[in-house]
C-alpha atoms as a PDB file:
ATOM      1  CA  MET A   1      -0.205 -13.640   7.572  1.00  0.00           C
ATOM      2  CA  ASN A   2      -3.172 -12.458   5.598  1.00  0.00           C
ATOM      3  CA  THR A   3      -3.880 -14.676   2.604  1.00  0.00           C
ATOM      4  CA  ALA A   4      -4.585 -11.488   0.628  1.00  0.00           C
ATOM      5  CA  LEU A   5      -0.823 -11.108   0.422  1.00  0.00           C
ATOM      6  CA  ALA A   6       0.040 -12.493  -2.958  1.00  0.00           C
ATOM      7  CA  PRO A   7       0.772 -16.214  -2.803  1.00  0.00           C
ATOM      8  CA  ASP A   8       3.216 -15.687  -5.644  1.00  0.00           C
ATOM      9  CA  LEU A   9       4.753 -12.338  -4.851  1.00  0.00           C
ATOM     10  CA  ALA A  10       7.466 -12.759  -7.472  1.00  0.00           C
ATOM     11  CA  ALA A  11       4.874 -13.184 -10.240  1.00  0.00           C
ATOM     12  CA  CYS A  12       2.989 -10.068  -9.103  1.00  0.00           C
ATOM     13  CA  GLN A  13       6.219  -8.103  -8.977  1.00  0.00           C
ATOM     14  CA  GLN A  14       7.204  -9.316 -12.451  1.00  0.00           C
ATOM     15  CA  ALA A  15       3.824  -8.343 -13.857  1.00  0.00           C
ATOM     16  CA  ALA A  16       4.203  -4.853 -12.365  1.00  0.00           C
ATOM     17  CA  THR A  17       7.746  -4.615 -13.723  1.00  0.00           C
ATOM     18  CA  ASP A  18       6.495  -5.448 -17.196  1.00  0.00           C
ATOM     19  CA  ARG A  19       3.457  -3.179 -17.023  1.00  0.00           C
ATOM     20  CA  TYR A  20       4.795  -0.049 -15.353  1.00  0.00           C
ATOM     21  CA  PHE A  21       8.570  -0.235 -15.776  1.00  0.00           C
ATOM     22  CA  LYS A  22       8.898  -1.583 -19.336  1.00  0.00           C
ATOM     23  CA  GLY A  23      10.456  -4.788 -18.015  1.00  0.00           C
ATOM     24  CA  SER A  24      13.294  -3.004 -16.216  1.00  0.00           C
ATOM     25  CA  ALA A  25      13.929  -4.963 -13.026  1.00  0.00           C
ATOM     26  CA  SER A  26      16.423  -2.364 -11.813  1.00  0.00           C
ATOM     27  CA  LEU A  27      13.875   0.443 -12.222  1.00  0.00           C
ATOM     28  CA  TYR A  28      11.229  -1.624 -10.427  1.00  0.00           C
ATOM     29  CA  GLN A  29      13.682  -2.399  -7.603  1.00  0.00           C
ATOM     30  CA  ALA A  30      14.534   1.293  -7.232  1.00  0.00           C
ATOM     31  CA  PHE A  31      10.818   2.165  -6.987  1.00  0.00           C
ATOM     32  CA  LEU A  32      10.263  -0.717  -4.564  1.00  0.00           C
ATOM     33  CA  LYS A  33      13.123   0.476  -2.372  1.00  0.00           C
ATOM     34  CA  ALA A  34      11.742   4.014  -2.376  1.00  0.00           C
ATOM     35  CA  GLY A  35       8.264   2.706  -1.593  1.00  0.00           C
ATOM     36  CA  MET A  36       9.480   0.598   1.299  1.00  0.00           C
ATOM     37  CA  ALA A  37      11.256   3.654   2.705  1.00  0.00           C
ATOM     38  CA  GLN A  38       8.134   5.809   2.244  1.00  0.00           C
ATOM     39  CA  PHE A  39       5.546   3.383   3.644  1.00  0.00           C
ATOM     40  CA  PRO A  40       6.393   4.071   7.329  1.00  0.00           C
ATOM     41  CA  ASN A  41       5.880   7.792   6.635  1.00  0.00           C
ATOM     42  CA  ASP A  42       2.561   7.010   4.957  1.00  0.00           C
ATOM     43  CA  VAL A  43       1.506   4.927   7.947  1.00  0.00           C
ATOM     44  CA  ALA A  44       2.332   7.794  10.326  1.00  0.00           C
ATOM     45  CA  ALA A  45       0.447  10.317   8.165  1.00  0.00           C
ATOM     46  CA  ILE A  46      -2.583   8.043   7.941  1.00  0.00           C
ATOM     47  CA  GLU A  47      -2.523   7.435  11.688  1.00  0.00           C
ATOM     48  CA  MET A  48      -2.460  11.209  12.238  1.00  0.00           C
ATOM     49  CA  ALA A  49      -5.337  11.759   9.805  1.00  0.00           C
ATOM     50  CA  MET A  50      -7.327   8.990  11.476  1.00  0.00           C
ATOM     51  CA  ALA A  51      -6.696  10.401  14.962  1.00  0.00           C
ATOM     52  CA  SER A  52      -7.754  13.905  13.943  1.00  0.00           C
ATOM     53  CA  GLN A  53     -10.548  12.637  11.682  1.00  0.00           C
ATOM     54  CA  ASP A  54      -9.163  14.706   8.811  1.00  0.00           C
ATOM     55  CA  SER A  55     -11.000  13.105   5.918  1.00  0.00           C
ATOM     56  CA  ALA A  56      -9.289  15.216   3.229  1.00  0.00           C
ATOM     57  CA  ALA A  57      -5.794  14.294   4.447  1.00  0.00           C
ATOM     58  CA  LEU A  58      -6.806  10.656   4.823  1.00  0.00           C
ATOM     59  CA  ARG A  59      -8.221  10.575   1.307  1.00  0.00           C
ATOM     60  CA  ARG A  60      -5.031  12.074  -0.164  1.00  0.00           C
ATOM     61  CA  GLN A  61      -2.767   9.688   1.735  1.00  0.00           C
ATOM     62  CA  ALA A  62      -4.875   6.647   0.849  1.00  0.00           C
ATOM     63  CA  HIS A  63      -4.922   7.700  -2.813  1.00  0.00           C
ATOM     64  CA  SER A  64      -1.141   8.088  -2.907  1.00  0.00           C
ATOM     65  CA  LEU A  65      -0.616   4.764  -1.173  1.00  0.00           C
ATOM     66  CA  LYS A  66      -3.087   3.085  -3.533  1.00  0.00           C
ATOM     67  CA  THR A  67      -1.124   4.316  -6.533  1.00  0.00           C
ATOM     68  CA  ALA A  68       2.232   3.139  -5.192  1.00  0.00           C
ATOM     69  CA  LEU A  69       0.873  -0.260  -4.171  1.00  0.00           C
ATOM     70  CA  GLY A  70      -0.640  -0.737  -7.619  1.00  0.00           C
ATOM     71  CA  MET A  71       2.578   0.170  -9.391  1.00  0.00           C
ATOM     72  CA  LEU A  72       4.441  -2.324  -7.209  1.00  0.00           C
ATOM     73  CA  GLY A  73       2.019  -5.112  -8.122  1.00  0.00           C
ATOM     74  CA  PHE A  74       0.424  -5.418  -4.682  1.00  0.00           C
ATOM     75  CA  GLU A  75      -3.112  -5.575  -6.018  1.00  0.00           C
ATOM     76  CA  ALA A  76      -4.915  -6.778  -2.871  1.00  0.00           C
ATOM     77  CA  GLN A  77      -3.347  -3.990  -0.833  1.00  0.00           C
ATOM     78  CA  LYS A  78      -4.180  -1.493  -3.585  1.00  0.00           C
ATOM     79  CA  GLN A  79      -7.833  -2.505  -3.232  1.00  0.00           C
ATOM     80  CA  GLN A  80      -7.625  -2.066   0.547  1.00  0.00           C
ATOM     81  CA  ALA A  81      -6.216   1.434   0.039  1.00  0.00           C
ATOM     82  CA  LEU A  82      -9.087   2.157  -2.360  1.00  0.00           C
ATOM     83  CA  LYS A  83     -11.579   1.143   0.341  1.00  0.00           C
ATOM     84  CA  LEU A  84      -9.809   3.489   2.746  1.00  0.00           C
ATOM     85  CA  GLU A  85      -9.864   6.307   0.190  1.00  0.00           C
ATOM     86  CA  LEU A  86     -13.579   5.849  -0.467  1.00  0.00           C
ATOM     87  CA  ALA A  87     -14.391   5.683   3.249  1.00  0.00           C
ATOM     88  CA  ALA A  88     -12.446   8.923   3.766  1.00  0.00           C
ATOM     89  CA  PHE A  89     -14.292  10.532   0.866  1.00  0.00           C
ATOM     90  CA  GLU A  90     -17.613   9.585   2.462  1.00  0.00           C
ATOM     91  CA  GLY A  91     -16.444  10.577   5.944  1.00  0.00           C
ATOM     92  CA  ASP A  92     -17.345   7.072   7.104  1.00  0.00           C
ATOM     93  CA  TRP A  93     -14.996   6.699  10.057  1.00  0.00           C
ATOM     94  CA  PRO A  94     -16.099   3.192  11.104  1.00  0.00           C
ATOM     95  CA  ALA A  95     -15.451   1.945   7.543  1.00  0.00           C
ATOM     96  CA  ALA A  96     -12.171   3.878   7.407  1.00  0.00           C
ATOM     97  CA  THR A  97     -11.070   2.331  10.699  1.00  0.00           C
ATOM     98  CA  MET A  98     -11.808  -1.183   9.451  1.00  0.00           C
ATOM     99  CA  ALA A  99     -10.115  -0.557   6.095  1.00  0.00           C
ATOM    100  CA  TRP A 100      -7.066   0.958   7.757  1.00  0.00           C
ATOM    101  CA  HIS A 101      -6.743  -1.858  10.283  1.00  0.00           C
ATOM    102  CA  SER A 102      -6.649  -4.429   7.490  1.00  0.00           C
ATOM    103  CA  LEU A 103      -4.307  -2.411   5.274  1.00  0.00           C
ATOM    104  CA  ALA A 104      -1.903  -1.515   8.091  1.00  0.00           C
ATOM    105  CA  HIS A 105      -1.664  -5.193   9.023  1.00  0.00           C
ATOM    106  CA  ASP A 106      -0.899  -6.210   5.443  1.00  0.00           C
ATOM    107  CA  LEU A 107       1.603  -3.371   4.971  1.00  0.00           C
ATOM    108  CA  THR A 108       3.548  -4.511   8.010  1.00  0.00           C
ATOM    109  CA  HIS A 109       3.742  -8.046   6.629  1.00  0.00           C
ATOM    110  CA  LEU A 110       4.511  -6.836   3.131  1.00  0.00           C
ATOM    111  CA  ILE A 111       7.417  -4.711   4.346  1.00  0.00           C
ATOM    112  CA  GLY A 112       8.766  -7.719   6.223  1.00  0.00           C
ATOM    113  CA  ILE A 113       8.498  -9.978   3.175  1.00  0.00           C
ATOM    114  CA  VAL A 114      10.209  -7.498   0.875  1.00  0.00           C
ATOM    115  CA  GLN A 115      12.974  -6.875   3.403  1.00  0.00           C
ATOM    116  CA  ALA A 116      13.514 -10.635   3.712  1.00  0.00           C
ATOM    117  CA  GLN A 117      13.768 -10.899  -0.097  1.00  0.00           C
ATOM    118  CA  ALA A 118      16.471  -8.229  -0.102  1.00  0.00           C
ATOM    119  CA  VAL A 119      18.710 -10.189   2.275  1.00  0.00           C
END
């Protein structure tokens, strides 16, 4: 697993809960659940944008994903999404490919970790 995944996920989640959800754990959990359900759709949309080299679609998807990851407290992954967004903006497909490879890997692990927490 990538060490960029927060070593103390609970602390990152609590910080996000306090910052974006006024300390409401139930509101954070509802947003987390929605995010976890949406991430596979985001992955598919990003894969499609990458395959068709649609920089505008890739930029929009990366921006949306960046926002959600930030609100969930996944700061390292938010920064990866920012790199993807900027690469899409520049039309730099080699940089976009590298950024997406790293982010997709971390998203897969992140989804697994959050699902394991829910059990």
